[in-house]
Amino acid sequence: MKVNVTQEELEAFDRATIRGSIEGIAGGLAISLPASFAAQRYWPAYRALPLPLKALGVILIVGPTWAIQTERRGVEFDEEHNWKGAGRQLLDSAKAREASEWGGLSSSEKFSKWVARHQYQVILGSWATSMAVAGTIIMRDRHQSNSQKIVQARMWAQGLTIGILIATGIATHSQRAEAAKHNTVDHSWRELLEVLAFVFHSIVRLVIKYGNSNSN
């Protein structure tokens, strides 16, 4: 957001983020609660889980949807109310360029780009899914006590977390290598300066023309 803001603008921004929070929580609950009820009904292993673990599963879905939607509404408000004039034109131009590039990608390239853009959501979703699968498998083992199952689940959690961290490191390294290979440089600042220079030059010409007309 811009630096000099009014109290009304701050309140409007708060309303936008609160709206995003409500939408994110509602969306997360719309996904997690039916899934939890279905698992409770059809999976004996899920019914055997303690209530805190079931609540954790709901939180693992609601938390990301809340954070993502809140941030998205805040960014939308910022772009709609604070990007105007040359900055707005530059933003629209960048979006049009990105949409054009997206349309020229193949399905595999679109999937790779989408994963790279949402890598943290993918990582968290993969971790939660893997934990759910591992927990289901462990809870179905009738030859272990509950304490042994908890230890097994903890070991799976540690192993999956390490695996996800390694995958994240590999993905980040690949993205940096690809960026270094293409050596792309953001020149949006130069485009903005060119637009501002053109506007300033036009204003100067109008002032000179107006001054000459008055002197005559």
N, C-alpha and C. Protein backbone atom coordinates (compact mmCIF):
# COMPACT_ATOMS: atom_id res chain seq x y z
N MET A 1 0.83 -1.19 0.00
CA MET A 1 0.00 0.00 0.00
C MET A 1 0.88 1.25 0.00
N LYS A 2 0.28 2.40 -0.37
CA LYS A 2 1.04 3.64 -0.38
C LYS A 2 1.29 4.10 1.05
N VAL A 3 2.24 5.06 1.18
CA VAL A 3 2.66 5.48 2.51
C VAL A 3 1.62 6.40 3.14
N ASN A 4 1.22 7.44 2.42
CA ASN A 4 0.27 8.41 2.96
C ASN A 4 -1.15 7.91 2.73
N VAL A 5 -1.73 7.37 3.77
CA VAL A 5 -3.08 6.82 3.65
C VAL A 5 -3.97 7.49 4.69
N THR A 6 -5.24 7.55 4.37
CA THR A 6 -6.21 8.12 5.29
C THR A 6 -6.80 7.03 6.17
N GLN A 7 -7.50 7.46 7.20
CA GLN A 7 -8.15 6.51 8.10
C GLN A 7 -9.21 5.71 7.36
N GLU A 8 -9.92 6.37 6.42
CA GLU A 8 -10.94 5.67 5.64
C GLU A 8 -10.32 4.58 4.78
N GLU A 9 -9.16 4.86 4.20
CA GLU A 9 -8.49 3.86 3.37
C GLU A 9 -8.03 2.67 4.20
N LEU A 10 -7.52 2.95 5.40
CA LEU A 10 -7.11 1.86 6.29
C LEU A 10 -8.30 0.99 6.68
N GLU A 11 -9.41 1.64 6.98
CA GLU A 11 -10.61 0.88 7.34
C GLU A 11 -11.13 0.06 6.17
N ALA A 12 -11.06 0.63 4.96
CA ALA A 12 -11.48 -0.12 3.77
C ALA A 12 -10.57 -1.31 3.52
N PHE A 13 -9.26 -1.11 3.75
CA PHE A 13 -8.32 -2.22 3.59
C PHE A 13 -8.58 -3.31 4.63
N ASP A 14 -8.88 -2.90 5.86
CA ASP A 14 -9.21 -3.88 6.90
C ASP A 14 -10.46 -4.67 6.53
N ARG A 15 -11.46 -3.98 5.98
CA ARG A 15 -12.68 -4.69 5.57
C ARG A 15 -12.38 -5.69 4.46
N ALA A 16 -11.49 -5.32 3.54
CA ALA A 16 -11.14 -6.23 2.45
C ALA A 16 -10.43 -7.47 2.98
N THR A 17 -9.49 -7.28 3.91
CA THR A 17 -8.76 -8.43 4.45
C THR A 17 -9.66 -9.28 5.34
N ILE A 18 -10.56 -8.64 6.09
CA ILE A 18 -11.50 -9.41 6.91
C ILE A 18 -12.41 -10.25 6.02
N ARG A 19 -12.84 -9.66 4.91
CA ARG A 19 -13.65 -10.42 3.95
C ARG A 19 -12.86 -11.62 3.43
N GLY A 20 -11.58 -11.40 3.11
CA GLY A 20 -10.76 -12.52 2.65
C GLY A 20 -10.59 -13.58 3.72
N SER A 21 -10.45 -13.15 4.99
CA SER A 21 -10.32 -14.11 6.09
C SER A 21 -11.57 -14.97 6.21
N ILE A 22 -12.73 -14.32 6.15
CA ILE A 22 -13.99 -15.07 6.26
C ILE A 22 -14.13 -16.04 5.10
N GLU A 23 -13.81 -15.58 3.88
CA GLU A 23 -13.90 -16.46 2.71
C GLU A 23 -12.94 -17.63 2.83
N GLY A 24 -11.71 -17.36 3.30
CA GLY A 24 -10.73 -18.43 3.43
C GLY A 24 -11.13 -19.46 4.46
N ILE A 25 -11.61 -18.99 5.62
CA ILE A 25 -12.04 -19.92 6.67
C ILE A 25 -13.24 -20.73 6.20
N ALA A 26 -14.20 -20.05 5.56
CA ALA A 26 -15.39 -20.75 5.08
C ALA A 26 -15.03 -21.78 4.02
N GLY A 27 -14.13 -21.41 3.11
CA GLY A 27 -13.70 -22.36 2.08
C GLY A 27 -12.96 -23.54 2.67
N GLY A 28 -12.07 -23.28 3.65
CA GLY A 28 -11.35 -24.37 4.28
C GLY A 28 -12.27 -25.31 5.04
N LEU A 29 -13.24 -24.74 5.75
CA LEU A 29 -14.21 -25.58 6.47
C LEU A 29 -15.09 -26.36 5.50
N ALA A 30 -15.43 -25.74 4.36
CA ALA A 30 -16.26 -26.43 3.36
C ALA A 30 -15.55 -27.64 2.78
N ILE A 31 -14.21 -27.62 2.82
CA ILE A 31 -13.45 -28.77 2.33
C ILE A 31 -13.16 -29.76 3.44
N SER A 32 -12.69 -29.25 4.59
CA SER A 32 -12.19 -30.13 5.65
C SER A 32 -13.30 -30.83 6.42
N LEU A 33 -14.38 -30.13 6.73
CA LEU A 33 -15.44 -30.75 7.54
C LEU A 33 -16.13 -31.90 6.81
N PRO A 34 -16.57 -31.74 5.55
CA PRO A 34 -17.15 -32.90 4.85
C PRO A 34 -16.17 -34.05 4.71
N ALA A 35 -14.89 -33.72 4.47
CA ALA A 35 -13.89 -34.78 4.36
C ALA A 35 -13.72 -35.50 5.70
N SER A 36 -13.74 -34.74 6.80
CA SER A 36 -13.62 -35.36 8.12
C SER A 36 -14.83 -36.23 8.45
N PHE A 37 -16.02 -35.74 8.12
CA PHE A 37 -17.23 -36.53 8.38
C PHE A 37 -17.25 -37.81 7.54
N ALA A 38 -16.81 -37.71 6.27
CA ALA A 38 -16.76 -38.90 5.42
C ALA A 38 -15.75 -39.91 5.94
N ALA A 39 -14.58 -39.40 6.38
CA ALA A 39 -13.57 -40.31 6.94
C ALA A 39 -14.07 -40.94 8.23
N GLN A 40 -14.77 -40.17 9.04
CA GLN A 40 -15.32 -40.70 10.29
C GLN A 40 -16.33 -41.80 10.02
N ARG A 41 -17.02 -41.71 8.92
CA ARG A 41 -18.07 -42.69 8.62
C ARG A 41 -17.52 -43.95 7.96
N TYR A 42 -16.55 -43.78 7.07
CA TYR A 42 -16.14 -44.91 6.23
C TYR A 42 -14.78 -45.50 6.62
N TRP A 43 -13.97 -44.80 7.41
CA TRP A 43 -12.64 -45.31 7.75
C TRP A 43 -12.55 -45.62 9.24
N PRO A 44 -12.50 -46.88 9.60
CA PRO A 44 -12.34 -47.22 11.02
C PRO A 44 -11.05 -46.67 11.62
N ALA A 45 -9.99 -46.61 10.80
CA ALA A 45 -8.72 -46.08 11.31
C ALA A 45 -8.85 -44.61 11.69
N TYR A 46 -9.63 -43.86 10.93
CA TYR A 46 -9.83 -42.44 11.26
C TYR A 46 -10.67 -42.30 12.53
N ARG A 47 -11.65 -43.17 12.69
CA ARG A 47 -12.47 -43.11 13.91
C ARG A 47 -11.64 -43.40 15.15
N ALA A 48 -10.57 -44.17 14.97
CA ALA A 48 -9.73 -44.51 16.12
C ALA A 48 -8.79 -43.37 16.51
N LEU A 49 -8.65 -42.37 15.66
CA LEU A 49 -7.76 -41.26 15.98
C LEU A 49 -8.34 -40.42 17.12
N PRO A 50 -7.48 -39.87 17.97
CA PRO A 50 -7.98 -38.97 19.02
C PRO A 50 -8.49 -37.67 18.41
N LEU A 51 -9.36 -37.00 19.14
CA LEU A 51 -9.98 -35.77 18.64
C LEU A 51 -8.96 -34.68 18.30
N PRO A 52 -7.89 -34.49 19.10
CA PRO A 52 -6.92 -33.44 18.73
C PRO A 52 -6.29 -33.65 17.35
N LEU A 53 -6.02 -34.92 16.98
CA LEU A 53 -5.46 -35.17 15.66
C LEU A 53 -6.47 -34.87 14.56
N LYS A 54 -7.74 -35.17 14.79
CA LYS A 54 -8.77 -34.83 13.81
C LYS A 54 -8.89 -33.32 13.66
N ALA A 55 -8.83 -32.62 14.79
CA ALA A 55 -8.88 -31.15 14.72
C ALA A 55 -7.67 -30.59 14.00
N LEU A 56 -6.51 -31.22 14.20
CA LEU A 56 -5.30 -30.78 13.50
C LEU A 56 -5.46 -30.92 12.00
N GLY A 57 -6.10 -31.99 11.55
CA GLY A 57 -6.33 -32.16 10.12
C GLY A 57 -7.18 -31.04 9.54
N VAL A 58 -8.18 -30.61 10.30
CA VAL A 58 -9.02 -29.49 9.85
C VAL A 58 -8.21 -28.20 9.81
N ILE A 59 -7.39 -27.99 10.84
CA ILE A 59 -6.58 -26.77 10.90
C ILE A 59 -5.57 -26.72 9.76
N LEU A 60 -5.00 -27.86 9.39
CA LEU A 60 -4.01 -27.90 8.31
C LEU A 60 -4.61 -27.49 6.97
N ILE A 61 -5.92 -27.58 6.84
CA ILE A 61 -6.59 -27.14 5.61
C ILE A 61 -7.09 -25.71 5.75
N VAL A 62 -7.69 -25.39 6.89
CA VAL A 62 -8.27 -24.06 7.09
C VAL A 62 -7.18 -23.00 7.17
N GLY A 63 -6.07 -23.32 7.82
CA GLY A 63 -5.00 -22.33 7.99
C GLY A 63 -4.47 -21.78 6.67
N PRO A 64 -4.04 -22.63 5.74
CA PRO A 64 -3.55 -22.11 4.45
C PRO A 64 -4.61 -21.37 3.65
N THR A 65 -5.85 -21.89 3.61
CA THR A 65 -6.89 -21.20 2.85
C THR A 65 -7.19 -19.83 3.45
N TRP A 66 -7.16 -19.72 4.77
CA TRP A 66 -7.36 -18.42 5.42
C TRP A 66 -6.25 -17.45 5.06
N ALA A 67 -4.98 -17.89 5.16
CA ALA A 67 -3.86 -17.00 4.89
C ALA A 67 -3.82 -16.58 3.42
N ILE A 68 -4.04 -17.53 2.52
CA ILE A 68 -3.95 -17.24 1.09
C ILE A 68 -5.04 -16.28 0.65
N GLN A 69 -6.28 -16.53 1.07
CA GLN A 69 -7.39 -15.68 0.64
C GLN A 69 -7.31 -14.30 1.27
N THR A 70 -6.84 -14.21 2.51
CA THR A 70 -6.67 -12.90 3.15
C THR A 70 -5.65 -12.07 2.39
N GLU A 71 -4.52 -12.68 2.06
CA GLU A 71 -3.50 -11.95 1.30
C GLU A 71 -4.00 -11.57 -0.08
N ARG A 72 -4.75 -12.46 -0.72
CA ARG A 72 -5.24 -12.19 -2.07
C ARG A 72 -6.19 -11.00 -2.08
N ARG A 73 -7.08 -10.92 -1.10
CA ARG A 73 -7.99 -9.78 -1.03
C ARG A 73 -7.23 -8.49 -0.74
N GLY A 74 -6.20 -8.56 0.08
CA GLY A 74 -5.39 -7.37 0.34
C GLY A 74 -4.67 -6.88 -0.90
N VAL A 75 -4.11 -7.82 -1.67
CA VAL A 75 -3.42 -7.44 -2.91
C VAL A 75 -4.40 -6.86 -3.92
N GLU A 76 -5.59 -7.46 -4.03
CA GLU A 76 -6.61 -6.94 -4.94
C GLU A 76 -7.01 -5.51 -4.57
N PHE A 77 -7.18 -5.26 -3.28
CA PHE A 77 -7.54 -3.91 -2.83
C PHE A 77 -6.43 -2.93 -3.17
N ASP A 78 -5.19 -3.33 -2.93
CA ASP A 78 -4.05 -2.46 -3.21
C ASP A 78 -3.97 -2.12 -4.69
N GLU A 79 -4.14 -3.13 -5.55
CA GLU A 79 -4.06 -2.89 -6.99
C GLU A 79 -5.21 -2.02 -7.48
N GLU A 80 -6.38 -2.20 -6.90
CA GLU A 80 -7.56 -1.48 -7.38
C GLU A 80 -7.57 -0.02 -6.94
N HIS A 81 -7.08 0.27 -5.72
CA HIS A 81 -7.22 1.62 -5.18
C HIS A 81 -5.92 2.43 -5.20
N ASN A 82 -4.77 1.77 -5.20
CA ASN A 82 -3.51 2.50 -5.05
C ASN A 82 -2.64 2.51 -6.30
N TRP A 83 -2.98 1.68 -7.28
CA TRP A 83 -2.23 1.70 -8.53
C TRP A 83 -3.04 2.50 -9.54
N LYS A 84 -2.58 3.71 -9.84
CA LYS A 84 -3.29 4.58 -10.75
C LYS A 84 -2.30 5.23 -11.72
N GLY A 85 -2.84 5.78 -12.80
CA GLY A 85 -2.01 6.49 -13.76
C GLY A 85 -1.00 5.59 -14.44
N ALA A 86 0.27 6.06 -14.47
CA ALA A 86 1.33 5.31 -15.15
C ALA A 86 1.58 3.97 -14.49
N GLY A 87 1.52 3.95 -13.14
CA GLY A 87 1.72 2.68 -12.45
C GLY A 87 0.65 1.66 -12.79
N ARG A 88 -0.59 2.13 -12.93
CA ARG A 88 -1.68 1.22 -13.29
C ARG A 88 -1.49 0.68 -14.70
N GLN A 89 -1.10 1.55 -15.62
CA GLN A 89 -0.85 1.11 -16.99
C GLN A 89 0.26 0.07 -17.04
N LEU A 90 1.30 0.31 -16.26
CA LEU A 90 2.41 -0.64 -16.23
C LEU A 90 1.97 -1.98 -15.65
N LEU A 91 1.14 -1.95 -14.61
CA LEU A 91 0.65 -3.19 -14.01
C LEU A 91 -0.23 -3.96 -14.98
N ASP A 92 -1.13 -3.25 -15.68
CA ASP A 92 -1.99 -3.90 -16.67
C ASP A 92 -1.17 -4.48 -17.81
N SER A 93 -0.13 -3.76 -18.22
CA SER A 93 0.73 -4.26 -19.29
C SER A 93 1.46 -5.53 -18.88
N ALA A 94 1.93 -5.56 -17.63
CA ALA A 94 2.62 -6.75 -17.13
C ALA A 94 1.67 -7.94 -17.05
N LYS A 95 0.43 -7.69 -16.62
CA LYS A 95 -0.55 -8.77 -16.55
C LYS A 95 -0.89 -9.30 -17.94
N ALA A 96 -1.04 -8.39 -18.91
CA ALA A 96 -1.35 -8.82 -20.28
C ALA A 96 -0.19 -9.62 -20.86
N ARG A 97 1.04 -9.20 -20.57
CA ARG A 97 2.20 -9.93 -21.05
C ARG A 97 2.27 -11.32 -20.43
N GLU A 98 1.97 -11.40 -19.14
CA GLU A 98 1.99 -12.69 -18.45
C GLU A 98 0.90 -13.62 -18.99
N ALA A 99 -0.29 -13.06 -19.27
CA ALA A 99 -1.37 -13.87 -19.83
C ALA A 99 -1.02 -14.37 -21.22
N SER A 100 -0.35 -13.53 -22.01
CA SER A 100 0.05 -13.95 -23.35
C SER A 100 1.09 -15.07 -23.28
N GLU A 101 2.05 -14.94 -22.37
CA GLU A 101 3.06 -15.98 -22.21
C GLU A 101 2.43 -17.28 -21.72
N TRP A 102 1.46 -17.17 -20.82
CA TRP A 102 0.78 -18.36 -20.29
C TRP A 102 0.03 -19.09 -21.40
N GLY A 103 -0.60 -18.34 -22.30
CA GLY A 103 -1.34 -18.97 -23.39
C GLY A 103 -0.46 -19.72 -24.36
N GLY A 104 0.81 -19.34 -24.44
CA GLY A 104 1.73 -20.01 -25.36
C GLY A 104 2.43 -21.22 -24.77
N LEU A 105 2.18 -21.54 -23.51
CA LEU A 105 2.84 -22.68 -22.87
C LEU A 105 2.08 -23.96 -23.15
N SER A 106 2.81 -25.07 -23.13
CA SER A 106 2.18 -26.38 -23.24
C SER A 106 1.58 -26.78 -21.89
N SER A 107 0.86 -27.90 -21.88
CA SER A 107 0.21 -28.34 -20.63
C SER A 107 1.24 -28.65 -19.55
N SER A 108 2.32 -29.33 -19.94
CA SER A 108 3.36 -29.66 -18.96
C SER A 108 4.06 -28.41 -18.45
N GLU A 109 4.29 -27.44 -19.34
CA GLU A 109 4.93 -26.20 -18.91
C GLU A 109 4.01 -25.39 -17.99
N LYS A 110 2.70 -25.40 -18.30
CA LYS A 110 1.75 -24.72 -17.42
C LYS A 110 1.72 -25.36 -16.04
N PHE A 111 1.76 -26.70 -16.01
CA PHE A 111 1.75 -27.40 -14.73
C PHE A 111 3.01 -27.07 -13.93
N SER A 112 4.17 -27.09 -14.59
CA SER A 112 5.42 -26.78 -13.90
C SER A 112 5.42 -25.34 -13.38
N LYS A 113 4.92 -24.42 -14.20
CA LYS A 113 4.88 -23.02 -13.78
C LYS A 113 3.91 -22.83 -12.62
N TRP A 114 2.77 -23.53 -12.68
CA TRP A 114 1.79 -23.42 -11.60
C TRP A 114 2.37 -23.96 -10.30
N VAL A 115 3.06 -25.09 -10.37
CA VAL A 115 3.67 -25.67 -9.17
C VAL A 115 4.73 -24.73 -8.61
N ALA A 116 5.55 -24.14 -9.51
CA ALA A 116 6.58 -23.21 -9.04
C ALA A 116 5.96 -21.97 -8.39
N ARG A 117 4.84 -21.51 -8.92
CA ARG A 117 4.19 -20.31 -8.39
C ARG A 117 3.51 -20.59 -7.06
N HIS A 118 3.01 -21.82 -6.88
CA HIS A 118 2.30 -22.18 -5.64
C HIS A 118 3.05 -23.28 -4.90
N GLN A 119 4.36 -23.18 -4.87
CA GLN A 119 5.14 -24.30 -4.33
C GLN A 119 4.87 -24.53 -2.85
N TYR A 120 4.66 -23.47 -2.07
CA TYR A 120 4.45 -23.66 -0.64
C TYR A 120 3.09 -24.29 -0.36
N GLN A 121 2.07 -23.92 -1.15
CA GLN A 121 0.78 -24.58 -0.99
C GLN A 121 0.87 -26.05 -1.38
N VAL A 122 1.62 -26.33 -2.47
CA VAL A 122 1.79 -27.72 -2.91
C VAL A 122 2.56 -28.52 -1.87
N ILE A 123 3.59 -27.90 -1.30
CA ILE A 123 4.40 -28.59 -0.29
C ILE A 123 3.55 -28.91 0.94
N LEU A 124 2.80 -27.92 1.42
CA LEU A 124 1.97 -28.14 2.60
C LEU A 124 0.88 -29.17 2.33
N GLY A 125 0.26 -29.09 1.15
CA GLY A 125 -0.77 -30.06 0.80
C GLY A 125 -0.21 -31.47 0.67
N SER A 126 0.98 -31.59 0.07
CA SER A 126 1.61 -32.91 -0.05
C SER A 126 1.96 -33.48 1.32
N TRP A 127 2.46 -32.61 2.20
CA TRP A 127 2.80 -33.07 3.55
C TRP A 127 1.55 -33.54 4.29
N ALA A 128 0.48 -32.76 4.21
CA ALA A 128 -0.76 -33.14 4.91
C ALA A 128 -1.34 -34.42 4.35
N THR A 129 -1.33 -34.55 3.02
CA THR A 129 -1.85 -35.77 2.40
C THR A 129 -1.02 -36.99 2.78
N SER A 130 0.30 -36.83 2.75
CA SER A 130 1.18 -37.94 3.12
C SER A 130 0.98 -38.34 4.57
N MET A 131 0.80 -37.35 5.44
CA MET A 131 0.56 -37.65 6.85
C MET A 131 -0.76 -38.39 7.03
N ALA A 132 -1.78 -37.98 6.29
CA ALA A 132 -3.08 -38.64 6.39
C ALA A 132 -2.99 -40.09 5.94
N VAL A 133 -2.29 -40.32 4.82
CA VAL A 133 -2.14 -41.69 4.32
C VAL A 133 -1.33 -42.53 5.30
N ALA A 134 -0.22 -41.96 5.78
CA ALA A 134 0.61 -42.70 6.73
C ALA A 134 -0.16 -43.01 8.01
N GLY A 135 -0.91 -42.02 8.51
CA GLY A 135 -1.70 -42.26 9.72
C GLY A 135 -2.75 -43.33 9.53
N THR A 136 -3.37 -43.35 8.35
CA THR A 136 -4.38 -44.38 8.07
C THR A 136 -3.76 -45.77 8.07
N ILE A 137 -2.59 -45.88 7.43
CA ILE A 137 -1.92 -47.19 7.36
C ILE A 137 -1.50 -47.65 8.75
N ILE A 138 -0.96 -46.72 9.54
CA ILE A 138 -0.49 -47.09 10.88
C ILE A 138 -1.65 -47.49 11.77
N MET A 139 -2.75 -46.76 11.73
CA MET A 139 -3.87 -47.04 12.60
C MET A 139 -4.57 -48.35 12.25
N ARG A 140 -4.37 -48.85 11.06
CA ARG A 140 -4.98 -50.12 10.67
C ARG A 140 -4.22 -51.33 11.22
N ASP A 141 -3.01 -51.09 11.71
CA ASP A 141 -2.20 -52.18 12.24
C ASP A 141 -2.76 -52.59 13.61
N ARG A 142 -3.33 -53.79 13.69
CA ARG A 142 -3.94 -54.26 14.92
C ARG A 142 -2.94 -54.89 15.88
N HIS A 143 -1.70 -55.03 15.45
CA HIS A 143 -0.70 -55.70 16.28
C HIS A 143 0.11 -54.70 17.11
N GLN A 144 -0.20 -53.42 17.03
CA GLN A 144 0.51 -52.41 17.79
C GLN A 144 -0.44 -51.72 18.75
N SER A 145 0.12 -51.32 19.89
CA SER A 145 -0.67 -50.56 20.85
C SER A 145 -0.78 -49.10 20.39
N ASN A 146 -1.63 -48.36 21.06
CA ASN A 146 -1.81 -46.95 20.68
C ASN A 146 -0.52 -46.15 20.85
N SER A 147 0.23 -46.42 21.92
CA SER A 147 1.49 -45.70 22.12
C SER A 147 2.49 -46.03 21.01
N GLN A 148 2.54 -47.30 20.59
CA GLN A 148 3.43 -47.66 19.48
C GLN A 148 2.99 -46.99 18.18
N LYS A 149 1.69 -46.89 17.97
CA LYS A 149 1.20 -46.21 16.77
C LYS A 149 1.57 -44.73 16.77
N ILE A 150 1.50 -44.11 17.93
CA ILE A 150 1.87 -42.70 18.03
C ILE A 150 3.34 -42.50 17.71
N VAL A 151 4.19 -43.42 18.22
CA VAL A 151 5.62 -43.35 17.91
C VAL A 151 5.86 -43.52 16.42
N GLN A 152 5.16 -44.48 15.81
CA GLN A 152 5.29 -44.68 14.37
C GLN A 152 4.84 -43.44 13.60
N ALA A 153 3.74 -42.85 14.01
CA ALA A 153 3.25 -41.65 13.33
C ALA A 153 4.25 -40.50 13.46
N ARG A 154 4.88 -40.39 14.63
CA ARG A 154 5.88 -39.34 14.82
C ARG A 154 7.09 -39.57 13.92
N MET A 155 7.52 -40.81 13.78
CA MET A 155 8.65 -41.11 12.90
C MET A 155 8.30 -40.79 11.44
N TRP A 156 7.09 -41.16 11.03
CA TRP A 156 6.64 -40.83 9.68
C TRP A 156 6.62 -39.32 9.47
N ALA A 157 6.15 -38.59 10.46
CA ALA A 157 6.08 -37.13 10.35
C ALA A 157 7.48 -36.53 10.17
N GLN A 158 8.44 -37.02 10.96
CA GLN A 158 9.80 -36.52 10.84
C GLN A 158 10.40 -36.85 9.47
N GLY A 159 10.18 -38.10 9.02
CA GLY A 159 10.72 -38.49 7.72
C GLY A 159 10.09 -37.70 6.58
N LEU A 160 8.77 -37.53 6.63
CA LEU A 160 8.09 -36.77 5.57
C LEU A 160 8.51 -35.31 5.58
N THR A 161 8.71 -34.75 6.77
CA THR A 161 9.14 -33.35 6.86
C THR A 161 10.52 -33.17 6.24
N ILE A 162 11.43 -34.09 6.55
CA ILE A 162 12.77 -34.01 5.95
C ILE A 162 12.70 -34.17 4.44
N GLY A 163 11.88 -35.12 3.97
CA GLY A 163 11.73 -35.31 2.53
C GLY A 163 11.16 -34.08 1.84
N ILE A 164 10.16 -33.44 2.47
CA ILE A 164 9.58 -32.22 1.89
C ILE A 164 10.60 -31.10 1.86
N LEU A 165 11.41 -30.96 2.91
CA LEU A 165 12.44 -29.93 2.93
C LEU A 165 13.48 -30.15 1.84
N ILE A 166 13.86 -31.41 1.62
CA ILE A 166 14.81 -31.71 0.55
C ILE A 166 14.20 -31.38 -0.81
N ALA A 167 12.94 -31.76 -1.01
CA ALA A 167 12.27 -31.45 -2.27
C ALA A 167 12.16 -29.94 -2.48
N THR A 168 11.90 -29.20 -1.40
CA THR A 168 11.83 -27.74 -1.50
C THR A 168 13.17 -27.15 -1.90
N GLY A 169 14.25 -27.66 -1.30
CA GLY A 169 15.58 -27.19 -1.67
C GLY A 169 15.92 -27.46 -3.12
N ILE A 170 15.56 -28.66 -3.60
CA ILE A 170 15.82 -29.00 -5.00
C ILE A 170 15.02 -28.08 -5.93
N ALA A 171 13.74 -27.86 -5.60
CA ALA A 171 12.90 -27.00 -6.44
C ALA A 171 13.43 -25.56 -6.46
N THR A 172 13.85 -25.06 -5.29
CA THR A 172 14.38 -23.70 -5.23
C THR A 172 15.66 -23.57 -6.03
N HIS A 173 16.53 -24.58 -5.92
CA HIS A 173 17.78 -24.56 -6.69
C HIS A 173 17.51 -24.60 -8.18
N SER A 174 16.54 -25.40 -8.60
CA SER A 174 16.20 -25.49 -10.02
C SER A 174 15.67 -24.15 -10.54
N GLN A 175 14.84 -23.49 -9.74
CA GLN A 175 14.31 -22.19 -10.15
C GLN A 175 15.41 -21.16 -10.27
N ARG A 176 16.34 -21.15 -9.33
CA ARG A 176 17.44 -20.19 -9.40
C ARG A 176 18.34 -20.47 -10.60
N ALA A 177 18.58 -21.76 -10.87
CA ALA A 177 19.40 -22.11 -12.02
C ALA A 177 18.72 -21.70 -13.32
N GLU A 178 17.41 -21.89 -13.40
CA GLU A 178 16.67 -21.50 -14.60
C GLU A 178 16.68 -19.99 -14.78
N ALA A 179 16.52 -19.26 -13.67
CA ALA A 179 16.54 -17.80 -13.75
C ALA A 179 17.91 -17.29 -14.17
N ALA A 180 18.98 -17.92 -13.63
CA ALA A 180 20.32 -17.52 -14.01
C ALA A 180 20.62 -17.87 -15.46
N LYS A 181 20.04 -18.96 -15.94
CA LYS A 181 20.26 -19.37 -17.33
C LYS A 181 19.68 -18.36 -18.30
N HIS A 182 18.45 -17.93 -18.03
CA HIS A 182 17.81 -16.95 -18.91
C HIS A 182 18.28 -15.53 -18.62
N ASN A 183 18.79 -15.31 -17.39
CA ASN A 183 19.32 -13.99 -17.01
C ASN A 183 18.29 -12.89 -17.26
N THR A 184 17.09 -13.13 -16.78
CA THR A 184 16.02 -12.16 -16.98
C THR A 184 16.19 -11.00 -15.99
N VAL A 185 16.00 -9.80 -16.48
CA VAL A 185 16.13 -8.60 -15.67
C VAL A 185 14.82 -7.83 -15.73
N ASP A 186 14.36 -7.40 -14.59
CA ASP A 186 13.11 -6.64 -14.53
C ASP A 186 13.39 -5.19 -14.90
N HIS A 187 12.84 -4.77 -16.04
CA HIS A 187 13.01 -3.39 -16.49
C HIS A 187 11.74 -2.56 -16.30
N SER A 188 10.86 -3.01 -15.42
CA SER A 188 9.62 -2.26 -15.23
C SER A 188 9.89 -0.86 -14.70
N TRP A 189 10.96 -0.71 -13.88
CA TRP A 189 11.29 0.62 -13.37
C TRP A 189 11.65 1.56 -14.51
N ARG A 190 12.33 1.04 -15.54
CA ARG A 190 12.71 1.87 -16.67
C ARG A 190 11.48 2.28 -17.48
N GLU A 191 10.55 1.35 -17.65
CA GLU A 191 9.32 1.67 -18.37
C GLU A 191 8.53 2.74 -17.63
N LEU A 192 8.48 2.64 -16.31
CA LEU A 192 7.76 3.63 -15.53
C LEU A 192 8.41 5.00 -15.64
N LEU A 193 9.75 5.04 -15.61
CA LEU A 193 10.45 6.31 -15.76
C LEU A 193 10.21 6.92 -17.13
N GLU A 194 10.16 6.08 -18.18
CA GLU A 194 9.89 6.58 -19.52
C GLU A 194 8.50 7.20 -19.60
N VAL A 195 7.52 6.54 -18.98
CA VAL A 195 6.16 7.10 -18.99
C VAL A 195 6.12 8.42 -18.23
N LEU A 196 6.77 8.47 -17.07
CA LEU A 196 6.78 9.70 -16.28
C LEU A 196 7.52 10.82 -17.02
N ALA A 197 8.62 10.47 -17.71
CA ALA A 197 9.35 11.47 -18.49
C ALA A 197 8.49 12.03 -19.62
N PHE A 198 7.73 11.15 -20.26
CA PHE A 198 6.85 11.60 -21.34
C PHE A 198 5.78 12.55 -20.80
N VAL A 199 5.19 12.20 -19.66
CA VAL A 199 4.17 13.06 -19.05
C VAL A 199 4.77 14.40 -18.66
N PHE A 200 5.97 14.37 -18.04
CA PHE A 200 6.62 15.61 -17.63
C PHE A 200 6.95 16.48 -18.83
N HIS A 201 7.44 15.86 -19.91
CA HIS A 201 7.77 16.61 -21.12
C HIS A 201 6.53 17.25 -21.72
N SER A 202 5.42 16.53 -21.71
CA SER A 202 4.17 17.07 -22.25
C SER A 202 3.70 18.26 -21.43
N ILE A 203 3.83 18.16 -20.10
CA ILE A 203 3.41 19.27 -19.24
C ILE A 203 4.28 20.50 -19.49
N VAL A 204 5.59 20.29 -19.64
CA VAL A 204 6.50 21.42 -19.90
C VAL A 204 6.14 22.10 -21.21
N ARG A 205 5.85 21.31 -22.24
CA ARG A 205 5.48 21.89 -23.53
C ARG A 205 4.20 22.69 -23.43
N LEU A 206 3.22 22.19 -22.67
CA LEU A 206 1.98 22.93 -22.49
C LEU A 206 2.21 24.24 -21.74
N VAL A 207 3.08 24.21 -20.72
CA VAL A 207 3.37 25.43 -19.96
C VAL A 207 4.05 26.46 -20.85
N ILE A 208 5.03 26.01 -21.66
CA ILE A 208 5.73 26.94 -22.56
C ILE A 208 4.77 27.53 -23.59
N LYS A 209 3.92 26.65 -24.13
CA LYS A 209 2.95 27.13 -25.13
C LYS A 209 1.98 28.12 -24.52
N TYR A 210 1.54 27.84 -23.29
CA TYR A 210 0.61 28.74 -22.62
C TYR A 210 1.29 30.07 -22.29
N GLY A 211 2.57 30.01 -21.89
CA GLY A 211 3.30 31.24 -21.60
C GLY A 211 3.52 32.09 -22.83
N ASN A 212 3.83 31.47 -23.97
CA ASN A 212 4.02 32.22 -25.21
C ASN A 212 2.73 32.88 -25.66
N SER A 213 1.61 32.16 -25.51
CA SER A 213 0.32 32.73 -25.92
C SER A 213 -0.05 33.93 -25.07
N ASN A 214 0.29 33.90 -23.78
CA ASN A 214 -0.02 35.03 -22.91
C ASN A 214 0.87 36.23 -23.21
N SER A 215 2.14 35.97 -23.56
CA SER A 215 3.05 37.07 -23.87
C SER A 215 2.67 37.77 -25.16
N ASN A 216 2.08 37.02 -26.09
CA ASN A 216 1.65 37.64 -27.35
C ASN A 216 0.36 38.41 -27.15
